[in-house]
N, C-alpha and C. Protein backbone atom coordinates (compact mmCIF):
# COMPACT_ATOMS: atom_id res chain seq x y z
N MET A 1 89.30 -43.45 3.98
CA MET A 1 88.64 -44.14 2.89
C MET A 1 87.61 -43.18 2.28
N THR A 2 87.63 -43.04 0.97
CA THR A 2 86.67 -42.18 0.29
C THR A 2 85.64 -43.04 -0.43
N SER A 3 84.46 -42.52 -0.54
CA SER A 3 83.42 -43.25 -1.26
C SER A 3 83.03 -42.46 -2.50
N ALA A 4 82.88 -43.17 -3.58
CA ALA A 4 82.49 -42.53 -4.84
C ALA A 4 80.98 -42.26 -4.80
N ALA A 5 80.60 -41.15 -5.37
CA ALA A 5 79.17 -40.82 -5.43
C ALA A 5 78.49 -41.72 -6.45
N LEU A 6 77.27 -42.04 -6.18
CA LEU A 6 76.49 -42.87 -7.09
C LEU A 6 76.04 -42.04 -8.28
N SER A 7 76.33 -42.52 -9.48
CA SER A 7 75.87 -41.85 -10.69
C SER A 7 75.63 -42.90 -11.77
N ARG A 8 74.83 -42.54 -12.76
CA ARG A 8 74.52 -43.45 -13.86
C ARG A 8 75.47 -43.17 -15.01
N PRO A 9 76.28 -44.15 -15.41
CA PRO A 9 77.24 -43.92 -16.50
C PRO A 9 76.55 -43.80 -17.85
N ARG A 10 77.20 -43.11 -18.75
CA ARG A 10 76.67 -42.98 -20.12
C ARG A 10 76.95 -44.23 -20.95
N ASP A 11 78.03 -44.94 -20.62
CA ASP A 11 78.35 -46.18 -21.33
C ASP A 11 77.87 -47.37 -20.49
N ASN A 12 77.75 -48.51 -21.10
CA ASN A 12 77.33 -49.75 -20.43
C ASN A 12 75.90 -49.66 -19.90
N ARG A 13 75.06 -48.84 -20.48
CA ARG A 13 73.65 -48.74 -20.10
C ARG A 13 72.84 -49.78 -20.85
N ARG A 14 71.80 -50.26 -20.21
CA ARG A 14 70.84 -51.10 -20.91
C ARG A 14 69.50 -50.37 -20.99
N ILE A 15 68.97 -49.96 -19.86
CA ILE A 15 67.72 -49.21 -19.85
C ILE A 15 68.01 -47.78 -19.39
N ALA A 16 68.39 -47.62 -18.14
CA ALA A 16 68.63 -46.28 -17.61
C ALA A 16 70.01 -46.12 -17.00
N GLY A 17 70.74 -47.21 -16.85
CA GLY A 17 72.06 -47.14 -16.26
C GLY A 17 72.08 -47.30 -14.75
N VAL A 18 70.94 -47.58 -14.15
CA VAL A 18 70.87 -47.71 -12.70
C VAL A 18 71.70 -48.90 -12.23
N CYS A 19 71.53 -50.05 -12.84
CA CYS A 19 72.28 -51.24 -12.43
C CYS A 19 73.78 -51.06 -12.68
N ALA A 20 74.15 -50.42 -13.78
CA ALA A 20 75.56 -50.18 -14.08
C ALA A 20 76.16 -49.23 -13.04
N GLY A 21 75.42 -48.21 -12.64
CA GLY A 21 75.90 -47.29 -11.61
C GLY A 21 76.06 -47.96 -10.27
N LEU A 22 75.09 -48.80 -9.90
CA LEU A 22 75.19 -49.54 -8.64
C LEU A 22 76.36 -50.51 -8.68
N ALA A 23 76.58 -51.15 -9.81
CA ALA A 23 77.69 -52.09 -9.96
C ALA A 23 79.03 -51.37 -9.78
N GLU A 24 79.19 -50.22 -10.39
CA GLU A 24 80.43 -49.44 -10.22
C GLU A 24 80.62 -49.03 -8.78
N ARG A 25 79.55 -48.61 -8.15
CA ARG A 25 79.61 -48.13 -6.76
C ARG A 25 80.01 -49.25 -5.81
N TRP A 26 79.50 -50.46 -6.05
CA TRP A 26 79.76 -51.60 -5.18
C TRP A 26 80.94 -52.45 -5.64
N GLY A 27 81.58 -52.11 -6.77
CA GLY A 27 82.72 -52.87 -7.26
C GLY A 27 82.34 -54.24 -7.82
N MET A 28 81.19 -54.31 -8.48
CA MET A 28 80.72 -55.56 -9.06
C MET A 28 80.60 -55.40 -10.57
N LYS A 29 80.33 -56.50 -11.25
CA LYS A 29 80.06 -56.45 -12.68
C LYS A 29 78.62 -56.03 -12.90
N ALA A 30 78.39 -55.24 -13.95
CA ALA A 30 77.04 -54.74 -14.24
C ALA A 30 76.08 -55.90 -14.53
N GLY A 31 76.54 -56.91 -15.22
CA GLY A 31 75.68 -58.06 -15.54
C GLY A 31 75.21 -58.79 -14.29
N THR A 32 76.06 -58.84 -13.28
CA THR A 32 75.68 -59.49 -12.03
C THR A 32 74.57 -58.72 -11.33
N VAL A 33 74.71 -57.39 -11.29
CA VAL A 33 73.68 -56.57 -10.65
C VAL A 33 72.37 -56.65 -11.43
N ARG A 34 72.45 -56.67 -12.75
CA ARG A 34 71.24 -56.79 -13.57
C ARG A 34 70.54 -58.13 -13.29
N LEU A 35 71.32 -59.20 -13.23
CA LEU A 35 70.75 -60.51 -12.95
C LEU A 35 70.10 -60.55 -11.57
N LEU A 36 70.77 -59.98 -10.58
CA LEU A 36 70.18 -59.93 -9.24
C LEU A 36 68.89 -59.13 -9.22
N PHE A 37 68.85 -58.03 -9.98
CA PHE A 37 67.62 -57.24 -10.04
C PHE A 37 66.49 -58.04 -10.67
N VAL A 38 66.76 -58.70 -11.78
CA VAL A 38 65.72 -59.49 -12.46
C VAL A 38 65.23 -60.61 -11.54
N LEU A 39 66.15 -61.28 -10.86
CA LEU A 39 65.74 -62.34 -9.94
C LEU A 39 64.93 -61.77 -8.77
N SER A 40 65.30 -60.59 -8.30
CA SER A 40 64.56 -59.99 -7.19
C SER A 40 63.13 -59.62 -7.61
N CYS A 41 62.92 -59.37 -8.89
CA CYS A 41 61.58 -59.03 -9.37
C CYS A 41 60.63 -60.22 -9.29
N LEU A 42 61.17 -61.43 -9.15
CA LEU A 42 60.33 -62.60 -8.98
C LEU A 42 59.73 -62.67 -7.58
N LEU A 43 60.32 -61.93 -6.64
CA LEU A 43 59.82 -61.89 -5.27
C LEU A 43 58.85 -60.72 -5.12
N PRO A 44 57.93 -60.82 -4.17
CA PRO A 44 57.03 -59.69 -3.95
C PRO A 44 57.79 -58.53 -3.33
N GLY A 45 57.42 -57.33 -3.74
CA GLY A 45 58.07 -56.15 -3.19
C GLY A 45 58.11 -55.02 -4.20
N PRO A 46 58.63 -53.87 -3.79
CA PRO A 46 58.60 -52.67 -4.64
C PRO A 46 59.87 -52.49 -5.48
N GLN A 47 60.48 -53.57 -5.95
CA GLN A 47 61.74 -53.46 -6.68
C GLN A 47 61.63 -52.54 -7.88
N PHE A 48 60.59 -52.68 -8.66
CA PHE A 48 60.45 -51.88 -9.87
C PHE A 48 60.27 -50.40 -9.53
N LEU A 49 59.53 -50.11 -8.47
CA LEU A 49 59.34 -48.72 -8.04
C LEU A 49 60.66 -48.12 -7.53
N VAL A 50 61.46 -48.92 -6.84
CA VAL A 50 62.77 -48.45 -6.38
C VAL A 50 63.66 -48.15 -7.58
N TYR A 51 63.62 -49.01 -8.59
CA TYR A 51 64.40 -48.77 -9.81
C TYR A 51 63.99 -47.45 -10.46
N LEU A 52 62.68 -47.22 -10.59
CA LEU A 52 62.20 -45.97 -11.18
C LEU A 52 62.62 -44.76 -10.35
N ALA A 53 62.57 -44.89 -9.03
CA ALA A 53 62.99 -43.78 -8.16
C ALA A 53 64.48 -43.50 -8.33
N LEU A 54 65.30 -44.55 -8.39
CA LEU A 54 66.73 -44.35 -8.60
C LEU A 54 67.01 -43.71 -9.96
N TRP A 55 66.24 -44.10 -10.96
CA TRP A 55 66.38 -43.52 -12.29
C TRP A 55 66.14 -42.01 -12.24
N ALA A 56 65.14 -41.61 -11.46
CA ALA A 56 64.80 -40.19 -11.36
C ALA A 56 65.76 -39.42 -10.45
N ILE A 57 66.29 -40.06 -9.42
CA ILE A 57 67.09 -39.37 -8.40
C ILE A 57 68.58 -39.34 -8.73
N VAL A 58 69.13 -40.47 -9.17
CA VAL A 58 70.57 -40.58 -9.38
C VAL A 58 70.97 -39.79 -10.64
N PRO A 59 71.95 -38.90 -10.50
CA PRO A 59 72.35 -38.09 -11.66
C PRO A 59 73.11 -38.91 -12.72
N SER A 60 72.97 -38.50 -13.94
CA SER A 60 73.69 -39.12 -15.05
C SER A 60 75.04 -38.42 -15.21
N ARG A 61 76.04 -39.17 -15.60
CA ARG A 61 77.36 -38.57 -15.83
C ARG A 61 77.43 -37.91 -17.16
């Protein structure tokens, strides 16, 4: 079994493409991952900082 590398796509981006890249990697719809991220922001935690870190770390295609 091979795993695809995580990358941010140039298409289907809303802000930085992080959610779209995660959706492709996990085999989900981008809208679902975006919704889960927004809902997770209602909980306490470093979600926004993790998003910014992924934006900086994950390469763009």
